[in-house]
Protein backbone atom coordinates (compact mmCIF):
# COMPACT_ATOMS: atom_id res chain seq x y z
CA MET A 1 0.00 0.00 0.00
CA PRO A 2 1.25 3.57 -0.59
CA LYS A 3 2.81 5.20 2.46
CA ASN A 4 1.60 8.72 1.75
CA THR A 5 -0.96 10.52 -0.33
CA THR A 6 1.62 11.85 -2.77
CA GLU A 7 1.94 8.34 -4.16
CA HIS A 8 -1.77 8.02 -4.91
CA SER A 9 -1.60 9.91 -8.16
CA ASN A 10 1.24 7.81 -9.59
CA THR A 11 0.37 5.53 -12.47
CA THR A 12 1.76 2.08 -12.97
CA PRO A 13 3.85 1.14 -15.96
CA SER A 14 1.76 0.01 -18.90
CA THR A 15 0.09 -3.31 -18.08
CA ASP A 16 -1.65 -5.88 -20.22
CA LYS A 17 -5.09 -5.60 -18.67
CA PRO A 18 -7.64 -7.90 -20.30
CA TRP A 19 -9.92 -4.92 -20.68
CA GLY A 20 -7.22 -2.31 -21.46
CA GLY A 21 -8.02 -1.64 -25.11
CA ARG A 22 -10.56 1.06 -24.34
CA PHE A 23 -8.26 2.98 -21.95
CA SER A 24 -5.65 5.62 -22.75
CA GLU A 25 -3.71 5.57 -19.46
CA SER A 26 -2.64 3.01 -16.90
CA THR A 27 -4.51 2.44 -13.68
CA ASP A 28 -3.55 4.61 -10.71
CA ALA A 29 -1.28 2.56 -8.40
CA PHE A 30 -3.46 3.10 -5.35
CA VAL A 31 -6.67 2.42 -7.30
CA GLU A 32 -5.16 -0.79 -8.67
CA GLU A 33 -4.51 -2.11 -5.17
CA PHE A 34 -7.74 -0.71 -3.78
CA THR A 35 -9.89 -2.44 -6.39
CA ALA A 36 -8.00 -5.74 -6.53
CA SER A 37 -9.54 -8.79 -4.87
CA ILE A 38 -6.78 -11.37 -5.34
CA ASN A 39 -5.68 -11.09 -1.71
CA PHE A 40 -8.91 -12.75 -0.57
CA ASP A 41 -10.49 -14.43 -3.59
CA LYS A 42 -7.37 -16.55 -4.20
CA ARG A 43 -8.93 -19.13 -1.88
CA LEU A 44 -11.39 -19.82 -4.73
CA TYR A 45 -8.65 -21.15 -7.02
CA LYS A 46 -9.88 -24.77 -6.98
CA HIS A 47 -13.41 -23.76 -7.84
CA ASP A 48 -12.32 -21.26 -10.49
CA ILE A 49 -10.27 -24.01 -12.18
CA GLN A 50 -13.13 -26.49 -11.74
CA GLY A 51 -15.52 -24.08 -13.47
CA SER A 52 -13.02 -23.37 -16.26
CA ARG A 53 -12.51 -27.07 -16.96
CA ALA A 54 -16.26 -27.58 -17.30
CA HIS A 55 -16.63 -24.48 -19.46
CA ALA A 56 -13.85 -25.63 -21.78
CA ARG A 57 -15.35 -29.11 -22.12
CA MET A 58 -18.74 -27.60 -22.90
CA LEU A 59 -17.17 -25.35 -25.58
CA ALA A 60 -15.66 -28.44 -27.20
CA LYS A 61 -18.92 -30.39 -27.05
CA ALA A 62 -20.79 -27.47 -28.62
CA GLY A 63 -18.21 -27.20 -31.40
CA ILE A 64 -17.18 -23.71 -30.35
CA LEU A 65 -13.53 -24.62 -29.62
CA PRO A 66 -11.40 -27.31 -31.29
CA ALA A 67 -10.78 -30.40 -29.19
CA GLU A 68 -7.01 -29.90 -29.36
CA ASP A 69 -7.30 -26.41 -27.84
CA VAL A 70 -9.52 -27.72 -25.05
CA GLU A 71 -7.03 -30.50 -24.31
CA LYS A 72 -4.27 -27.91 -23.97
CA ILE A 73 -6.51 -25.80 -21.72
CA ILE A 74 -7.37 -28.73 -19.42
CA ASN A 75 -3.73 -29.85 -19.14
CA GLY A 76 -2.61 -26.29 -18.48
CA LEU A 77 -5.23 -25.80 -15.77
CA ASP A 78 -4.18 -29.08 -14.15
CA GLU A 79 -0.56 -27.91 -14.05
CA ILE A 80 -1.52 -24.53 -12.59
CA GLU A 81 -3.58 -26.17 -9.85
CA THR A 82 -0.63 -28.41 -8.97
CA ASP A 83 1.69 -25.39 -8.80
CA ILE A 84 -0.73 -23.41 -6.64
CA GLU A 85 -0.95 -26.27 -4.16
CA ALA A 86 2.84 -26.55 -4.15
CA GLY A 87 3.14 -22.83 -3.36
CA LYS A 88 4.84 -22.03 -6.67
CA ILE A 89 2.43 -19.32 -7.81
CA GLU A 90 2.91 -15.68 -6.88
CA TRP A 91 -0.36 -13.79 -7.08
CA SER A 92 -0.32 -10.49 -8.95
CA VAL A 93 -2.34 -7.49 -7.79
CA SER A 94 -2.03 -6.00 -11.27
CA LEU A 95 -4.08 -8.97 -12.56
CA GLU A 96 -6.80 -7.97 -10.08
CA ASP A 97 -8.50 -11.25 -9.22
CA ILE A 98 -8.29 -15.03 -9.19
CA HIS A 99 -9.79 -15.30 -12.68
CA MET A 100 -7.24 -13.14 -14.46
CA ASN A 101 -4.32 -14.51 -12.44
CA ILE A 102 -5.14 -18.03 -13.57
CA GLU A 103 -6.01 -17.08 -17.15
CA ALA A 104 -2.79 -15.07 -17.58
CA ARG A 105 -0.68 -17.99 -16.35
CA LEU A 106 -2.60 -20.36 -18.59
CA THR A 107 -1.86 -18.19 -21.63
CA ASP A 108 1.82 -17.99 -20.65
CA ARG A 109 1.96 -21.79 -20.59
CA ILE A 110 -0.10 -22.85 -23.60
CA GLY A 111 -0.15 -19.76 -25.79
CA ILE A 112 -3.09 -18.55 -27.81
CA ALA A 113 -5.35 -21.44 -26.77
CA GLY A 114 -5.37 -19.95 -23.27
CA LYS A 115 -6.92 -16.77 -24.64
CA LYS A 116 -9.84 -18.77 -26.03
CA LEU A 117 -10.99 -20.08 -22.62
CA HIS A 118 -13.04 -16.96 -21.88
CA THR A 119 -15.18 -17.43 -24.99
CA GLY A 120 -18.86 -17.24 -24.08
CA ARG A 121 -18.43 -16.16 -20.48
CA SER A 122 -17.68 -13.11 -18.34
CA ARG A 123 -16.01 -12.61 -15.00
CA ASN A 124 -19.53 -11.79 -13.78
CA ASP A 125 -20.92 -15.28 -14.29
CA GLN A 126 -17.52 -16.80 -13.51
CA ILE A 127 -17.28 -15.39 -9.98
CA ALA A 128 -20.93 -16.14 -9.27
CA THR A 129 -20.24 -19.75 -10.25
CA ASP A 130 -17.03 -19.95 -8.21
CA ILE A 131 -18.73 -18.74 -5.05
CA ARG A 132 -21.58 -21.20 -5.40
CA LEU A 133 -19.19 -24.11 -5.98
CA TRP A 134 -17.16 -23.08 -2.94
CA LEU A 135 -20.15 -22.46 -0.68
CA ARG A 136 -21.79 -25.74 -1.65
CA GLU A 137 -18.66 -27.53 -0.48
CA GLN A 138 -18.52 -25.53 2.74
CA ILE A 139 -22.17 -26.28 3.56
CA ASP A 140 -21.38 -29.99 3.25
CA GLY A 141 -18.52 -29.53 5.72
CA ILE A 142 -20.73 -27.57 8.10
CA CYS A 143 -23.43 -30.23 8.00
CA HIS A 144 -20.79 -32.86 8.80
CA GLU A 145 -19.71 -30.91 11.89
CA ILE A 146 -23.32 -30.45 12.99
CA ARG A 147 -23.79 -34.21 12.77
CA ARG A 148 -20.62 -34.81 14.79
CA LEU A 149 -21.88 -32.52 17.53
CA GLN A 150 -25.32 -34.12 17.46
CA GLY A 151 -23.71 -37.53 17.83
CA ALA A 152 -21.87 -36.40 20.94
CA LEU A 153 -25.10 -35.04 22.43
CA ILE A 154 -26.93 -38.31 21.75
CA GLU A 155 -24.29 -40.32 23.58
CA LEU A 156 -24.41 -37.92 26.54
CA ALA A 157 -28.20 -38.10 26.61
CA ASP A 158 -28.23 -41.89 26.58
CA ARG A 159 -25.59 -42.14 29.28
CA GLU A 160 -27.16 -39.50 31.52
CA ALA A 161 -30.86 -40.35 30.97
CA ASP A 162 -31.36 -40.87 34.72
CA THR A 163 -29.21 -37.97 35.94
CA ILE A 164 -31.33 -35.34 37.68
CA LEU A 165 -30.84 -31.73 36.63
CA PRO A 166 -32.87 -28.71 37.76
CA GLY A 167 -34.85 -27.23 34.89
CA PHE A 168 -34.98 -23.44 34.87
CA THR A 169 -37.26 -20.66 33.74
CA HIS A 170 -36.08 -17.09 34.29
CA LEU A 171 -32.87 -18.80 35.54
CA GLN A 172 -34.90 -19.83 38.61
CA VAL A 173 -35.37 -23.49 39.56
CA ALA A 174 -38.63 -24.59 37.94
CA GLN A 175 -39.01 -28.38 37.73
CA PRO A 176 -36.65 -31.34 37.81
CA ILE A 177 -35.58 -32.74 34.46
CA THR A 178 -32.76 -35.02 33.42
CA PHE A 179 -29.38 -34.09 32.01
CA GLY A 180 -30.09 -36.38 29.07
CA HIS A 181 -33.32 -34.55 28.31
CA HIS A 182 -31.44 -31.25 28.31
CA MET A 183 -28.84 -32.59 25.85
CA LEU A 184 -31.61 -33.67 23.49
CA ALA A 185 -33.05 -30.15 23.57
CA TRP A 186 -29.72 -28.99 22.13
CA PHE A 187 -29.93 -31.83 19.60
CA GLU A 188 -33.31 -30.58 18.37
CA MET A 189 -31.95 -27.06 17.87
CA LEU A 190 -29.08 -28.45 15.81
CA GLN A 191 -31.45 -30.63 13.80
CA ARG A 192 -33.31 -27.51 12.66
CA ASP A 193 -29.94 -25.96 11.81
CA PHE A 194 -29.00 -29.00 9.74
CA GLU A 195 -32.30 -28.88 7.86
CA ARG A 196 -31.95 -25.15 7.19
CA MET A 197 -28.46 -25.71 5.78
CA GLN A 198 -29.69 -28.52 3.56
CA ASP A 199 -32.54 -26.36 2.32
CA CYS A 200 -30.20 -23.42 1.70
CA ARG A 201 -27.92 -25.72 -0.30
CA LYS A 202 -30.70 -26.26 -2.83
CA ARG A 203 -30.70 -22.56 -3.72
CA VAL A 204 -26.91 -22.41 -3.72
CA ASN A 205 -26.76 -25.30 -6.18
CA VAL A 206 -27.98 -23.31 -9.21
CA MET A 207 -25.48 -22.51 -11.99
CA PRO A 208 -24.92 -18.90 -13.22
CA LEU A 209 -22.32 -19.92 -15.82
CA GLY A 210 -23.45 -19.01 -19.32
CA ALA A 211 -25.20 -15.82 -18.25
CA ALA A 212 -21.99 -14.04 -19.33
CA ALA A 213 -21.91 -10.35 -18.37
CA LEU A 214 -25.68 -9.97 -17.98
CA ALA A 215 -27.48 -10.88 -21.21
CA GLY A 216 -26.19 -14.32 -22.11
CA THR A 217 -23.98 -14.99 -25.14
CA THR A 218 -24.36 -15.30 -28.91
CA TYR A 219 -22.41 -18.58 -28.95
CA PRO A 220 -24.42 -21.84 -29.11
CA ILE A 221 -23.46 -22.92 -25.58
CA ASP A 222 -24.98 -25.89 -23.75
CA ARG A 223 -25.63 -24.70 -20.21
CA ASN A 224 -27.28 -27.94 -19.17
CA HIS A 225 -24.08 -29.81 -20.01
CA SER A 226 -22.01 -27.35 -17.96
CA ALA A 227 -24.41 -27.76 -15.04
CA GLU A 228 -24.15 -31.55 -15.29
CA LEU A 229 -20.34 -31.43 -15.32
CA LEU A 230 -20.28 -29.19 -12.23
CA GLY A 231 -22.95 -31.04 -10.28
CA PHE A 232 -25.46 -28.20 -10.27
CA ASP A 233 -29.15 -29.05 -10.17
CA HIS A 234 -29.87 -26.77 -13.13
CA PRO A 235 -28.70 -23.52 -14.76
CA ALA A 236 -30.07 -20.19 -13.55
CA ARG A 237 -33.05 -19.29 -15.73
CA ASN A 238 -32.50 -15.53 -16.05
CA SER A 239 -29.15 -14.09 -17.03
CA LEU A 240 -29.67 -10.74 -15.28
CA ASP A 241 -30.55 -12.41 -12.01
CA ALA A 242 -27.84 -15.05 -12.39
CA VAL A 243 -24.93 -12.60 -12.27
CA SER A 244 -26.36 -10.20 -9.70
CA ASP A 245 -28.05 -12.58 -7.24
CA ARG A 246 -26.43 -12.89 -3.84
CA ASP A 247 -29.57 -14.10 -2.05
CA PHE A 248 -27.93 -17.46 -1.56
CA ALA A 249 -25.05 -15.87 0.36
CA ILE A 250 -27.45 -13.84 2.49
CA GLU A 251 -29.60 -16.88 3.16
CA PHE A 252 -26.53 -18.89 4.15
CA ASN A 253 -25.43 -16.12 6.52
CA ALA A 254 -28.91 -16.02 8.03
CA SER A 255 -28.84 -19.78 8.59
CA ALA A 256 -25.31 -19.53 9.96
CA SER A 257 -26.41 -16.77 12.33
CA ILE A 258 -29.10 -19.04 13.77
CA VAL A 259 -26.54 -21.82 14.27
CA MET A 260 -24.23 -19.38 16.03
CA MET A 261 -27.11 -18.11 18.15
CA HIS A 262 -27.74 -21.70 19.25
CA LEU A 263 -24.06 -22.30 19.97
CA SER A 264 -24.01 -19.07 21.94
CA ARG A 265 -26.92 -20.31 24.06
CA PHE A 266 -25.11 -23.61 24.63
CA SER A 267 -22.03 -21.60 25.58
CA GLU A 268 -23.91 -19.45 28.04
CA GLU A 269 -25.25 -22.52 29.83
CA LEU A 270 -21.81 -24.14 29.96
CA VAL A 271 -20.29 -20.93 31.33
CA ILE A 272 -22.98 -20.84 34.03
CA TRP A 273 -22.75 -24.56 34.75
CA THR A 274 -18.95 -24.46 35.20
CA SER A 275 -19.08 -21.52 37.60
CA ALA A 276 -18.38 -22.16 41.29
CA GLN A 277 -21.92 -21.04 42.08
CA PHE A 278 -23.43 -23.86 39.97
CA ASP A 279 -20.60 -26.38 39.51
CA PHE A 280 -22.81 -28.71 37.42
CA VAL A 281 -20.23 -29.90 34.86
CA ARG A 282 -16.51 -30.27 34.38
CA LEU A 283 -14.93 -29.26 31.08
CA PRO A 284 -11.72 -30.95 29.89
CA ASP A 285 -8.63 -28.95 30.79
CA ARG A 286 -7.55 -28.82 27.14
CA PHE A 287 -10.58 -26.69 26.31
CA CYS A 288 -9.93 -24.20 29.12
CA THR A 289 -7.20 -21.78 30.18
CA GLY A 290 -5.95 -20.34 33.43
CA SER A 291 -5.31 -16.88 34.76
CA SER A 292 -1.95 -15.12 34.60
CA ILE A 293 -2.44 -13.78 38.13
CA MET A 294 -4.99 -16.06 39.87
CA PRO A 295 -3.61 -19.62 40.05
CA GLN A 296 -6.96 -21.16 41.07
CA LYS A 297 -8.78 -20.12 37.90
CA LYS A 298 -10.01 -22.47 35.17
CA ASN A 299 -11.72 -20.39 32.55
CA PRO A 300 -14.22 -21.87 30.02
CA ASP A 301 -12.53 -20.11 27.11
CA VAL A 302 -14.00 -22.17 24.27
CA PRO A 303 -17.64 -21.50 25.22
CA GLU A 304 -16.87 -17.86 25.98
CA LEU A 305 -15.11 -17.35 22.65
CA VAL A 306 -17.87 -19.08 20.68
CA ARG A 307 -20.41 -16.88 22.47
CA GLY A 308 -18.41 -13.83 21.41
CA LYS A 309 -17.88 -14.99 17.83
CA SER A 310 -21.63 -15.07 17.27
CA GLY A 311 -21.45 -11.28 16.98
CA ARG A 312 -19.09 -11.54 14.00
CA VAL A 313 -21.50 -13.75 12.10
CA PHE A 314 -24.50 -11.54 12.92
CA GLY A 315 -22.48 -8.56 11.68
CA ASN A 316 -21.60 -10.34 8.44
CA LEU A 317 -25.29 -10.94 7.77
CA LEU A 318 -26.03 -7.25 8.21
CA SER A 319 -23.06 -6.39 6.02
CA LEU A 320 -24.38 -8.50 3.13
CA LEU A 321 -27.91 -7.17 3.48
CA THR A 322 -26.59 -3.61 3.39
CA LEU A 323 -24.32 -4.43 0.45
CA MET A 324 -27.23 -5.58 -1.68
CA LYS A 325 -30.04 -3.27 -0.64
CA GLY A 326 -29.26 -0.40 -3.05
CA GLN A 327 -27.90 -2.22 -6.08
CA PRO A 328 -29.66 -1.96 -9.45
CA LEU A 329 -29.49 -4.91 -11.84
CA ALA A 330 -27.18 -6.40 -12.92
CA TYR A 331 -23.61 -6.85 -11.63
CA ASN A 332 -21.95 -3.97 -9.76
CA LYS A 333 -18.44 -3.65 -8.33
CA ASP A 334 -20.03 -3.51 -4.87
CA ASN A 335 -20.33 -7.28 -5.12
CA GLN A 336 -16.60 -7.65 -4.69
CA GLU A 337 -17.40 -6.97 -1.03
CA ASP A 338 -19.54 -10.09 -0.70
CA LYS A 339 -16.68 -12.54 -0.29
CA GLU A 340 -14.89 -11.44 2.87
CA PRO A 341 -17.97 -11.54 5.13
CA LEU A 342 -19.01 -14.83 3.55
CA PHE A 343 -15.54 -16.34 4.02
CA ASP A 344 -15.39 -15.10 7.61
CA THR A 345 -18.80 -16.56 8.43
CA VAL A 346 -17.82 -19.98 7.08
CA ASP A 347 -14.48 -19.97 8.93
CA THR A 348 -16.09 -18.83 12.18
CA LEU A 349 -18.97 -21.29 12.02
CA LEU A 350 -16.82 -24.27 11.09
CA GLY A 351 -14.35 -23.48 13.86
CA SER A 352 -17.08 -23.06 16.46
CA LEU A 353 -18.84 -26.29 15.49
CA ARG A 354 -15.58 -28.22 15.46
CA ALA A 355 -14.64 -26.93 18.92
CA PHE A 356 -18.01 -28.01 20.35
CA ALA A 357 -18.00 -31.37 18.56
CA ASP A 358 -14.52 -32.08 19.96
CA MET A 359 -15.38 -30.86 23.48
CA MET A 360 -18.84 -32.23 24.23
CA PRO A 361 -17.95 -35.97 24.34
CA HIS A 362 -15.64 -35.18 27.26
CA VAL A 363 -17.98 -33.01 29.34
CA GLN A 364 -18.50 -34.61 32.75
CA PRO A 365 -21.78 -33.84 34.55
CA LYS A 366 -21.58 -33.65 38.36
CA ALA A 367 -24.68 -35.61 39.34
CA ASP A 368 -24.49 -34.88 43.08
CA LYS A 369 -24.21 -31.13 42.54
CA MET A 370 -27.11 -31.07 40.08
CA ARG A 371 -29.30 -33.18 42.34
CA GLN A 372 -28.57 -30.92 45.29
CA ALA A 373 -29.54 -27.88 43.21
CA ALA A 374 -32.76 -29.58 42.07
CA MET A 375 -33.73 -30.03 45.72
CA GLN A 376 -33.76 -26.26 46.10
CA GLY A 377 -36.49 -23.96 44.88
CA PHE A 378 -39.40 -26.38 45.50
CA SER A 379 -39.00 -27.95 42.05
CA THR A 380 -41.73 -30.56 42.71
CA ALA A 381 -44.39 -28.00 43.63
CA THR A 382 -46.19 -28.53 40.31
CA ASP A 383 -46.23 -32.26 41.00
CA LEU A 384 -48.05 -31.63 44.26
CA ALA A 385 -50.59 -29.44 42.43
CA ASP A 386 -51.12 -32.18 39.81
CA TYR A 387 -51.55 -34.71 42.63
CA LEU A 388 -54.31 -32.61 44.17
CA VAL A 389 -56.05 -32.22 40.79
CA VAL A 390 -56.06 -35.98 40.31
CA LYS A 391 -57.67 -36.21 43.78
CA GLY A 392 -60.49 -33.94 42.55
CA LEU A 393 -59.41 -30.42 43.51
CA PRO A 394 -59.74 -27.75 40.78
CA PHE A 395 -56.32 -26.65 39.52
CA ARG A 396 -56.64 -23.05 40.71
CA ASP A 397 -57.51 -24.24 44.20
CA ALA A 398 -54.65 -26.72 44.07
CA HIS A 399 -52.32 -23.91 43.01
CA GLU A 400 -53.31 -21.91 46.11
CA VAL A 401 -52.87 -24.91 48.41
CA VAL A 402 -49.38 -25.59 47.12
CA GLY A 403 -48.48 -21.91 47.34
CA SER A 404 -49.34 -21.99 51.04
CA ALA A 405 -47.24 -25.13 51.52
CA VAL A 406 -44.30 -23.49 49.75
CA ALA A 407 -44.63 -20.46 52.03
CA LEU A 408 -44.19 -22.79 55.02
CA GLY A 409 -41.18 -24.34 53.32
CA VAL A 410 -39.60 -20.94 52.76
CA GLU A 411 -40.23 -20.01 56.40
CA SER A 412 -38.84 -23.27 57.78
CA GLY A 413 -36.07 -23.79 55.21
CA ARG A 414 -37.35 -27.18 54.06
CA ASP A 415 -38.38 -28.74 50.77
CA LEU A 416 -41.91 -30.05 50.35
CA SER A 417 -40.58 -33.61 50.43
CA GLU A 418 -39.05 -32.92 53.86
CA MET A 419 -42.37 -31.96 55.49
CA SER A 420 -44.42 -34.44 57.46
CA LEU A 421 -47.77 -35.77 56.22
CA GLU A 422 -49.52 -33.90 59.04
CA GLU A 423 -47.93 -30.62 58.00
CA LEU A 424 -49.07 -31.07 54.41
CA GLN A 425 -52.56 -32.10 55.44
CA GLN A 426 -53.11 -28.78 57.22
CA PHE A 427 -53.33 -27.26 53.73
CA SER A 428 -55.62 -29.94 52.25
CA ALA A 429 -57.27 -32.92 53.89
CA ILE A 430 -57.19 -34.94 50.65
CA ILE A 431 -53.41 -35.28 50.84
CA GLU A 432 -52.47 -38.86 51.76
CA ALA A 433 -49.29 -40.82 52.37
CA ASP A 434 -48.82 -41.59 48.66
CA VAL A 435 -48.03 -37.91 48.12
CA PHE A 436 -44.36 -38.57 48.83
CA GLU A 437 -44.14 -40.71 45.70
CA VAL A 438 -44.67 -37.59 43.58
CA LEU A 439 -42.57 -35.26 45.71
CA THR A 440 -39.30 -37.10 45.02
CA LEU A 441 -37.13 -35.92 42.15
CA GLU A 442 -37.15 -39.36 40.55
CA GLY A 443 -40.92 -39.60 40.90
CA SER A 444 -41.32 -36.19 39.30
CA VAL A 445 -39.26 -36.93 36.17
CA SER A 446 -40.57 -40.49 35.80
CA ALA A 447 -44.17 -39.27 35.87
CA ARG A 448 -43.60 -37.32 32.64
CA ASN A 449 -43.48 -40.49 30.59
CA HIS A 450 -44.88 -39.31 27.27
CA LEU A 451 -43.49 -38.27 23.90
CA GLY A 452 -41.23 -35.28 24.51
CA GLY A 453 -41.25 -35.75 28.29
CA THR A 454 -38.23 -35.88 30.57
CA ALA A 455 -38.78 -39.41 31.90
CA PRO A 456 -35.62 -41.53 31.54
CA GLU A 457 -37.53 -44.05 29.44
CA GLN A 458 -38.54 -41.32 26.99
CA VAL A 459 -35.01 -39.87 26.91
CA ARG A 460 -33.62 -43.23 25.85
CA LEU A 461 -36.32 -43.67 23.23
CA GLN A 462 -35.63 -40.21 21.82
CA ALA A 463 -31.87 -40.84 21.85
CA SER A 464 -32.46 -44.01 19.84
CA TYR A 465 -34.66 -42.13 17.37
CA ALA A 466 -32.07 -39.36 17.07
CA ARG A 467 -29.30 -41.88 16.42
CA GLU A 468 -31.30 -43.40 13.56
CA LEU A 469 -32.11 -39.93 12.20
CA ILE A 470 -28.50 -38.82 11.83
CA ALA A 471 -27.46 -42.20 10.46
CA THR A 472 -29.92 -41.98 7.57
CA ALA A 473 -29.67 -38.30 6.62
């Protein structure tokens, strides 16, 4: 970059720009660097080469290019890809982007045949195709990580189906549940995330190639053949929309934001659960750090960082929405700004999912601590109300009876299960000795033995169903 403003007006030596014929002076040095995208779009090299191979093969099939030229093009592209992966390619800012960097090197290697590759296409449909190829691949990787994390949650749920955990509303003890039931709640959130990603992938998997700059091309191209070669479901049906559409990137970022919101909620609970005040779970040391000044500290850095990274992804979504909101059809240079937020979202989401998928199999719940916490806050009060309703008392009257019993518990510092039968009967004469069966934590969770309930039997059934679900999808 220039070090001072006096350099901004300098022009570069004459360069062989692919579009330079119309211009009478070279690009300003600062403008050249300011408008170049090679520093970030170089990560699309595989997909740019993949798209070019398919385009060249289609041109041969359609009789637009001779087979010998296409053979040279394919071999040249193969060599360039090998050199890129070996670190032998130096990217040129003067060539602006990944497309021109590869095309220029191809022409250097194979001569005039390299100049024929761009027949019937534009950088507009080329970059739109590259991004879709890349994002399709990334979505597959993201879905794999979601499944890995879901698998870890299923195993935890199955193993801890009987482990009592206080359920909260308003972060106040509400009713006893099981740790396994809680893990399956996270599973359900991730299942929706997986389905959203799969649905988004359908709209990503549409091919812009062949739309050219905005109006299509006069060459007799076969877009269906190109789509088949690249694994797209079908070509985009409108050339204007094909080159200017970034809905798929926005939709992906929206789906990614929901995943990150879920991971942030998981993180918040893990941060709370690992605090000394709760002490419900133990995280593996390798996913935590210590303090430089307080030797007793064990900080849940992975959950905290994931919670913080959610803000990056939310910001990227807003960035893309703002980028697109004022653009007329068709392609505009603004769209160069679509890649960095998209790349950052993918990197952030994949890293966050991987960290959780690696960490969760090793989370150790502290059953005694969770049970002790579930004994506080009168978590079986609703069970007592339900008991009274079954005995014939209207629910609102039962609610009042239990409220009075809880008031005594607050005053005396005892749970409902710790009161004597005589004490409970002073609030309602229909209370009998069998009441203590519903006032225990185990009795409370076991009584909710229906689809979606927290009973251990249901948790194991749902874990089995979830295991089959991720094995078949």
